[in-house]
Protein backbone atom coordinates (compact mmCIF):
# COMPACT_ATOMS: atom_id res chain seq x y z
CA UNK A 1 -66.85 71.18 -2.11
CA UNK A 2 -67.17 69.71 -5.58
CA UNK A 3 -68.68 66.38 -6.53
CA UNK A 4 -66.33 63.49 -5.83
CA UNK A 5 -65.95 60.92 -8.58
CA UNK A 6 -64.47 57.46 -8.30
CA UNK A 7 -61.31 58.20 -10.31
CA UNK A 8 -60.42 61.25 -8.23
CA UNK A 9 -60.97 59.40 -4.96
CA UNK A 10 -58.83 56.51 -6.19
CA UNK A 11 -56.05 58.95 -7.10
CA UNK A 12 -56.22 60.61 -3.69
CA UNK A 13 -56.07 57.25 -1.88
CA UNK A 14 -53.20 55.94 -4.00
CA UNK A 15 -51.19 59.10 -3.34
CA UNK A 16 -51.95 59.24 0.38
CA UNK A 17 -49.13 58.42 2.79
CA UNK A 18 -48.25 54.74 2.49
CA UNK A 19 -48.04 54.17 6.23
CA UNK A 20 -51.64 55.37 6.58
CA UNK A 21 -52.93 53.03 3.90
CA UNK A 22 -51.16 50.09 5.49
CA UNK A 23 -52.04 51.32 8.97
CA UNK A 24 -55.70 50.58 8.41
CA UNK A 25 -54.90 46.86 8.47
CA UNK A 26 -52.77 46.63 11.61
CA UNK A 27 -54.08 44.98 14.79
CA UNK A 28 -53.25 48.01 17.00
CA UNK A 29 -56.47 50.04 17.36
CA UNK A 30 -54.66 53.32 18.14
CA UNK A 31 -52.55 53.05 14.99
CA UNK A 32 -55.64 52.21 12.91
CA UNK A 33 -57.36 55.32 14.26
CA UNK A 34 -54.33 57.50 13.46
CA UNK A 35 -54.17 56.01 9.97
CA UNK A 36 -57.88 56.60 9.36
CA UNK A 37 -57.55 60.18 10.60
CA UNK A 38 -54.58 60.79 8.30
CA UNK A 39 -56.40 59.36 5.29
CA UNK A 40 -59.49 61.45 6.05
CA UNK A 41 -57.35 64.58 6.41
CA UNK A 42 -55.60 63.80 3.12
CA UNK A 43 -58.92 63.36 1.31
CA UNK A 44 -60.34 66.61 2.70
CA UNK A 45 -57.15 68.55 1.90
CA UNK A 46 -56.96 67.23 -1.66
CA UNK A 47 -60.64 67.91 -2.30
CA UNK A 48 -60.12 71.51 -1.24
CA UNK A 49 -57.31 71.96 -3.77
CA UNK A 50 -58.29 73.39 -7.14
CA UNK A 51 -58.53 70.70 -9.79
CA UNK A 52 -55.54 70.69 -12.10
CA UNK A 53 -56.29 71.15 -15.77
CA UNK A 54 -53.88 69.89 -18.40
CA UNK A 55 -53.93 72.59 -21.08
CA UNK A 56 -52.44 70.11 -23.59
CA UNK A 57 -55.31 67.63 -23.19
CA UNK A 58 -57.94 67.98 -25.87
CA UNK A 59 -61.55 67.98 -24.63
CA UNK A 60 -63.54 64.84 -25.26
CA UNK A 61 -66.67 65.57 -27.30
CA UNK A 62 -69.60 64.01 -25.46
CA UNK A 63 -72.39 65.13 -27.78
CA UNK A 64 -72.36 62.07 -30.07
CA UNK A 65 -70.61 63.79 -32.93
CA UNK A 66 -70.01 62.58 -36.46
CA UNK A 67 -67.48 59.93 -35.41
CA UNK A 68 -70.17 58.21 -33.33
CA UNK A 69 -72.73 58.35 -36.14
CA UNK A 70 -70.21 57.01 -38.68
CA UNK A 71 -69.33 54.17 -36.37
CA UNK A 72 -72.99 53.29 -35.78
CA UNK A 73 -73.53 52.91 -39.53
CA UNK A 74 -70.81 50.29 -39.72
CA UNK A 75 -68.30 52.36 -41.65
CA UNK A 76 -64.74 52.47 -40.45
CA UNK A 77 -63.27 55.67 -39.11
């Protein structure tokens, strides 16, 4: 299993079945348990899926390239 980051977990939770998200808040203990089980199953299933890669998305340079150095000197980009 890959490392789970906050954004991916948020996406999984927001796209989980709505009844399960709401079901966590109901007074009925059996329904809360079913909702928690469904959410856990959804998280595990989505984590086991291969991550989708958008081929049209350009990679973000994280090495502190020339744009960062120019910006640090006070010049506009």
